[in-house]
């Protein structure tokens, strides 16, 4: 009979002994209470507690956690915008007691502070400034949270403004403004390119005209030099300058007729073009040269008389 009583006692004793041991995972803290009062905190590993006296009141993770808070607020230029603020935080190892007993809902507390800071900072900025200065908003949130949550045993590691989402109509308007600016810039570049092309083309035409004029001048200079040599040669055989000049002109006339005759499809007509044209041209030129010489001599004689 005694053996039957002993077996349950031993079994009960084993259960109590086994329940005295418990395991705390890595990066976790366990809170031990004795008769409902805080007794100690236990870190990771195999731990021991007094059966039926001590109990595990709760466990807190010591890992870095993230809370995403979405806030809708208004900017200085009256644009409604939604911001997503990511808060990275963790329980301070030395303040597990404060984190467990002083605050029931840390997420709600952090969310309230994020709302308060964002709705105080963003209305001071225009929409464009919110995009540019989002880091300033994140720093303000982190500073406020650090001061408030350190009392409750929480350390704010980092805060990030991960998304800024204006109203759909505002985004469409911003896209239209951006597209208009890009079209304006493209038009300016195209205008500058067209202006440069016109200027360079004008420079090229001016240079071409200058070279063409220089070529014509050189050509006429050579023609004049050739005529001068031709007159000198004719003077040596007894032909005076007037007759030589007339002969050269008539020769050029016939050279021109020969050049025109070499092109069968030419539409050029030389006037006059009668068989007597060459003879008449020679006589007219000789007569004009003679008359000009007479006029020149008469003018010289008149000056001499006036001087006397």
Protein backbone atom coordinates (compact mmCIF):
# COMPACT_ATOMS: atom_id res chain seq x y z
CA UNK A 1 0.00 0.00 0.00
CA UNK A 2 2.84 2.35 0.82
CA UNK A 3 4.40 1.69 -2.57
CA UNK A 4 1.28 2.84 -4.38
CA UNK A 5 1.32 6.11 -2.46
CA UNK A 6 5.04 6.62 -3.07
CA UNK A 7 4.79 6.38 -6.85
CA UNK A 8 2.49 9.42 -7.27
CA UNK A 9 4.64 11.44 -4.90
CA UNK A 10 7.76 10.63 -6.92
CA UNK A 11 5.97 11.42 -10.17
CA UNK A 12 4.73 14.73 -8.76
CA UNK A 13 8.21 15.52 -7.53
CA UNK A 14 9.70 14.92 -10.99
CA UNK A 15 7.17 17.22 -12.56
CA UNK A 16 7.94 19.95 -10.06
CA UNK A 17 11.69 19.48 -10.59
CA UNK A 18 11.36 19.64 -14.34
CA UNK A 19 9.20 22.76 -14.14
CA UNK A 20 11.95 24.45 -12.15
CA UNK A 21 14.05 24.72 -15.29
CA UNK A 22 13.24 26.87 -18.29
CA UNK A 23 15.06 28.13 -21.38
CA UNK A 24 15.35 31.73 -22.53
CA UNK A 25 16.09 32.18 -26.24
CA UNK A 26 18.89 34.32 -27.62
CA UNK A 27 18.15 38.08 -27.74
CA UNK A 28 15.23 37.58 -25.34
CA UNK A 29 14.68 38.57 -21.71
CA UNK A 30 12.31 36.77 -19.30
CA UNK A 31 10.63 38.55 -16.39
CA UNK A 32 10.29 36.45 -13.21
CA UNK A 33 7.69 37.30 -10.55
CA UNK A 34 7.51 35.79 -7.06
CA UNK A 35 4.04 35.73 -5.57
CA UNK A 36 2.98 38.39 -8.09
CA UNK A 37 5.90 40.74 -7.37
CA UNK A 38 8.81 41.40 -9.70
CA UNK A 39 11.78 39.30 -8.75
CA UNK A 40 14.35 39.34 -11.56
CA UNK A 41 15.04 39.32 -15.26
CA UNK A 42 16.73 36.37 -16.91
CA UNK A 43 18.84 36.43 -20.07
CA UNK A 44 19.33 33.74 -22.71
CA UNK A 45 20.24 30.19 -21.70
CA UNK A 46 19.04 27.54 -19.20
CA UNK A 47 17.51 29.18 -16.11
CA UNK A 48 16.13 28.01 -12.77
CA UNK A 49 13.11 29.19 -10.79
CA UNK A 50 11.38 28.05 -7.62
CA UNK A 51 8.42 25.88 -8.54
CA UNK A 52 4.99 27.09 -7.41
CA UNK A 53 6.62 30.29 -6.10
CA UNK A 54 8.19 31.91 -9.13
CA UNK A 55 6.50 32.31 -12.44
CA UNK A 56 7.45 33.71 -15.87
CA UNK A 57 5.43 36.90 -16.14
CA UNK A 58 6.46 37.57 -19.72
CA UNK A 59 9.20 37.66 -22.30
CA UNK A 60 10.56 40.65 -24.21
CA UNK A 61 12.49 40.51 -27.47
CA UNK A 62 15.80 42.42 -27.44
CA UNK A 63 16.03 42.41 -31.23
CA UNK A 64 15.69 45.56 -33.32
CA UNK A 65 12.06 45.93 -34.35
CA UNK A 66 10.41 48.15 -36.95
CA UNK A 67 7.12 49.96 -36.81
CA UNK A 68 5.68 51.56 -39.97
CA UNK A 69 3.44 54.57 -39.34
CA UNK A 70 1.38 56.18 -42.11
CA UNK A 71 0.36 59.80 -41.50
CA UNK A 72 -1.79 62.09 -43.62
CA UNK A 73 -1.14 65.78 -43.19
CA UNK A 74 -1.16 69.11 -45.05
CA UNK A 75 1.81 71.11 -46.29
CA UNK A 76 2.37 74.87 -46.17
CA UNK A 77 1.00 75.25 -49.73
CA UNK A 78 -2.23 73.42 -48.77
CA UNK A 79 -1.42 70.07 -50.38
CA UNK A 80 -2.51 66.90 -48.60
CA UNK A 81 0.22 64.29 -48.48
CA UNK A 82 0.64 60.83 -46.98
CA UNK A 83 3.97 60.00 -45.35
CA UNK A 84 5.24 56.59 -44.33
CA UNK A 85 7.63 56.80 -41.37
CA UNK A 86 9.57 53.66 -40.41
CA UNK A 87 10.76 53.61 -36.79
CA UNK A 88 13.45 51.12 -35.80
CA UNK A 89 13.64 50.54 -32.03
CA UNK A 90 14.65 47.98 -29.41
CA UNK A 91 14.33 47.30 -25.69
CA UNK A 92 17.32 48.49 -23.67
CA UNK A 93 18.81 45.42 -22.00
CA UNK A 94 19.36 47.21 -18.68
CA UNK A 95 15.78 48.60 -18.68
CA UNK A 96 13.72 45.49 -19.30
CA UNK A 97 11.76 46.20 -16.10
CA UNK A 98 10.69 49.66 -17.36
CA UNK A 99 9.82 48.33 -20.82
CA UNK A 100 7.63 45.56 -19.35
CA UNK A 101 5.89 47.33 -16.48
CA UNK A 102 5.71 50.99 -17.46
CA UNK A 103 4.23 50.62 -20.93
CA UNK A 104 1.51 48.26 -22.05
CA UNK A 105 1.34 49.15 -25.75
CA UNK A 106 4.66 50.57 -27.02
CA UNK A 107 3.44 50.58 -30.65
CA UNK A 108 0.58 52.92 -29.80
CA UNK A 109 2.87 55.20 -27.82
CA UNK A 110 5.45 55.43 -30.64
CA UNK A 111 2.69 56.01 -33.22
CA UNK A 112 1.27 58.89 -31.17
CA UNK A 113 4.65 60.64 -30.99
CA UNK A 114 5.28 60.15 -34.71
CA UNK A 115 1.90 61.68 -35.54
CA UNK A 116 2.56 64.61 -33.23
CA UNK A 117 6.01 65.43 -34.64
CA UNK A 118 5.14 64.95 -38.33
CA UNK A 119 2.00 67.06 -38.08
CA UNK A 120 4.05 69.77 -36.37
CA UNK A 121 6.93 69.79 -38.88
CA UNK A 122 5.38 69.13 -42.33
CA UNK A 123 2.83 72.02 -42.24
CA UNK A 124 5.85 74.37 -42.03
CA UNK A 125 7.15 73.17 -45.42
CA UNK A 126 5.99 73.39 -49.00
CA UNK A 127 5.47 70.16 -50.91
CA UNK A 128 8.78 70.40 -52.76
CA UNK A 129 10.58 71.04 -49.47
CA UNK A 130 9.03 67.91 -47.95
CA UNK A 131 10.76 65.82 -50.62
CA UNK A 132 14.06 67.67 -50.23
CA UNK A 133 14.05 67.87 -46.42
CA UNK A 134 12.54 64.50 -45.53
CA UNK A 135 15.69 63.69 -43.55
CA UNK A 136 15.01 66.72 -41.34
CA UNK A 137 11.56 65.30 -40.58
CA UNK A 138 13.08 61.92 -39.74
CA UNK A 139 15.68 63.53 -37.44
CA UNK A 140 12.98 65.51 -35.63
CA UNK A 141 10.92 62.34 -35.09
CA UNK A 142 13.95 60.43 -33.78
CA UNK A 143 14.91 63.22 -31.38
CA UNK A 144 11.40 63.47 -29.95
CA UNK A 145 11.01 59.71 -29.63
CA UNK A 146 14.40 59.24 -27.96
CA UNK A 147 13.54 61.75 -25.27
CA UNK A 148 10.10 60.24 -24.68
CA UNK A 149 10.74 56.49 -25.01
CA UNK A 150 14.04 56.29 -23.08
CA UNK A 151 12.00 56.69 -19.89
CA UNK A 152 10.09 53.54 -20.79
CA UNK A 153 13.17 51.45 -21.56
CA UNK A 154 13.13 51.77 -25.36
CA UNK A 155 15.97 52.97 -27.57
CA UNK A 156 15.10 54.52 -30.95
CA UNK A 157 17.75 53.28 -33.38
CA UNK A 158 16.69 55.13 -36.52
CA UNK A 159 13.68 56.78 -38.14
CA UNK A 160 13.21 56.92 -41.92
CA UNK A 161 10.67 58.70 -44.10
CA UNK A 162 10.32 55.88 -46.63
CA UNK A 163 7.44 57.21 -48.74
CA UNK A 164 5.87 60.56 -49.63
CA UNK A 165 2.64 60.26 -51.56
CA UNK A 166 0.77 63.45 -52.53
CA UNK A 167 -2.79 63.45 -53.83
CA UNK A 168 -3.23 61.90 -57.30
CA UNK A 169 -4.29 65.20 -58.89
CA UNK A 170 -1.26 66.94 -57.40
CA UNK A 171 1.05 64.28 -58.85
CA UNK A 172 -0.52 64.70 -62.29
CA UNK A 173 -0.04 68.47 -62.08
CA UNK A 174 3.59 68.04 -61.01
CA UNK A 175 4.17 65.67 -63.93
CA UNK A 176 2.65 68.18 -66.36
CA UNK A 177 4.85 70.97 -64.97
CA UNK A 178 7.93 68.77 -65.29
CA UNK A 179 7.03 67.81 -68.85
CA UNK A 180 6.44 71.46 -69.78
CA UNK A 181 9.83 72.44 -68.33
CA UNK A 182 11.54 69.70 -70.30
CA UNK A 183 9.80 70.76 -73.52
CA UNK A 184 10.84 74.36 -72.87
CA UNK A 185 14.45 73.30 -72.35
CA UNK A 186 14.36 71.15 -75.50
CA UNK A 187 12.95 74.08 -77.50
CA UNK A 188 15.72 76.35 -76.19
CA UNK A 189 18.37 73.85 -77.21
CA UNK A 190 16.79 73.44 -80.65
CA UNK A 191 16.67 77.24 -81.07
CA UNK A 192 20.31 77.57 -80.07
CA UNK A 193 21.27 74.81 -82.51
CA UNK A 194 19.33 76.48 -85.35
CA UNK A 195 20.92 79.86 -84.55
CA UNK A 196 24.41 78.34 -84.54
CA UNK A 197 23.65 76.61 -87.86
CA UNK A 198 22.49 79.90 -89.45
CA UNK A 199 25.52 81.80 -88.15
CA UNK A 200 27.95 79.14 -89.35
CA UNK A 201 26.21 78.98 -92.72
CA UNK A 202 26.45 82.78 -93.07
CA UNK A 203 30.15 82.62 -92.16
CA UNK A 204 30.71 79.91 -94.75
CA UNK A 205 28.88 81.92 -97.44
CA UNK A 206 30.86 85.05 -96.56
CA UNK A 207 34.12 83.13 -96.79
CA UNK A 208 33.00 81.62 -100.11
CA UNK A 209 32.15 85.07 -101.52
CA UNK A 210 35.48 86.44 -100.31
CA UNK A 211 37.39 83.62 -101.98
CA UNK A 212 35.26 83.98 -105.11
CA UNK A 213 35.96 87.72 -105.27
CA UNK A 214 39.64 87.08 -104.72
CA UNK A 215 39.57 84.55 -107.56
CA UNK A 216 37.83 86.98 -109.91
CA UNK A 217 40.33 89.71 -109.00
CA UNK A 218 43.23 87.36 -109.67
CA UNK A 219 41.64 86.33 -112.96
CA UNK A 220 41.19 89.91 -114.10
CA UNK A 221 44.71 90.76 -113.01
CA UNK A 222 46.10 87.94 -115.14
CA UNK A 223 43.89 88.96 -118.09
CA UNK A 224 45.15 92.52 -117.81
CA UNK A 225 48.73 91.28 -117.64
CA UNK A 226 48.16 89.13 -120.73
CA UNK A 227 46.60 92.03 -122.64
CA UNK A 228 49.52 94.21 -121.70
CA UNK A 229 51.97 91.64 -123.04
CA UNK A 230 49.90 91.24 -126.22
CA UNK A 231 49.93 94.99 -126.86
CA UNK A 232 53.71 95.11 -126.36
CA UNK A 233 54.20 92.30 -128.87
CA UNK A 234 51.99 94.03 -131.48
CA UNK A 235 53.75 97.35 -130.93
CA UNK A 236 57.04 95.68 -131.85
CA UNK A 237 55.69 94.76 -135.32
CA UNK A 238 54.49 98.32 -136.06
CA UNK A 239 50.91 98.19 -134.76
CA UNK A 240 50.07 101.09 -132.47
CA UNK A 241 48.26 100.67 -129.13
CA UNK A 242 44.81 101.65 -130.45
CA UNK A 243 44.92 99.18 -133.30
CA UNK A 244 46.37 96.50 -131.03
CA UNK A 245 43.57 96.98 -128.48
CA UNK A 246 40.93 96.80 -131.22
CA UNK A 247 42.54 93.67 -132.68
CA UNK A 248 42.60 91.98 -129.25
CA UNK A 249 38.92 92.78 -128.68
CA UNK A 250 37.96 91.39 -132.09
CA UNK A 251 40.05 88.28 -131.43
CA UNK A 252 38.24 87.75 -128.09
CA UNK A 253 34.93 88.23 -129.93
CA UNK A 254 35.69 85.38 -132.31
CA UNK A 255 37.02 83.22 -129.46
CA UNK A 256 33.69 83.73 -127.72
CA UNK A 257 31.79 82.70 -130.87
CA UNK A 258 33.95 79.59 -131.16
CA UNK A 259 33.35 78.67 -127.48
CA UNK A 260 29.59 79.05 -127.91
CA UNK A 261 29.64 76.91 -131.06
CA UNK A 262 31.27 74.02 -129.18
CA UNK A 263 28.11 73.53 -127.05
CA UNK A 264 25.29 72.20 -129.22
CA UNK A 265 22.60 72.62 -126.54
CA UNK A 266 23.52 76.19 -125.63
CA UNK A 267 20.68 78.74 -125.51
CA UNK A 268 23.06 81.73 -125.45
CA UNK A 269 22.66 84.34 -128.21
CA UNK A 270 25.44 86.88 -128.82
CA UNK A 271 24.32 90.28 -130.09
CA UNK A 272 25.25 91.57 -132.66
CA UNK A 273 25.92 88.36 -134.53
CA UNK A 274 25.98 89.35 -138.23
CA UNK A 275 28.94 88.43 -140.53
CA UNK A 276 29.93 92.13 -140.66
CA UNK A 277 29.91 92.38 -136.83
CA UNK A 278 33.63 91.81 -136.45
CA UNK A 279 34.61 94.37 -139.12
CA UNK A 280 32.17 96.97 -137.81
CA UNK A 281 33.37 96.40 -134.21
CA UNK A 282 37.02 96.88 -135.32
CA UNK A 283 36.22 100.11 -137.25
CA UNK A 284 34.10 101.49 -134.41
CA UNK A 285 36.79 100.83 -131.82
CA UNK A 286 39.56 102.38 -133.94
CA UNK A 287 37.37 105.44 -134.57
CA UNK A 288 36.51 105.75 -130.86
CA UNK A 289 40.16 105.45 -129.83
CA UNK A 290 41.12 108.13 -132.45
CA UNK A 291 38.36 110.47 -131.28
CA UNK A 292 39.35 110.03 -127.65
CA UNK A 293 42.97 110.82 -128.48
CA UNK A 294 41.93 113.98 -130.34
CA UNK A 295 39.81 115.11 -127.44
CA UNK A 296 42.69 114.44 -125.08
CA UNK A 297 45.12 116.49 -127.21
CA UNK A 298 42.63 119.36 -127.45
CA UNK A 299 42.23 119.43 -123.67
CA UNK A 300 46.00 119.47 -123.16
CA UNK A 301 46.41 122.42 -125.61
CA UNK A 302 43.61 124.29 -123.87
CA UNK A 303 45.32 123.93 -120.48
CA UNK A 304 48.62 125.16 -121.89
CA UNK A 305 46.95 128.27 -123.33
CA UNK A 306 45.27 128.98 -120.04
CA UNK A 307 48.56 128.65 -118.18
CA UNK A 308 50.30 131.07 -120.62
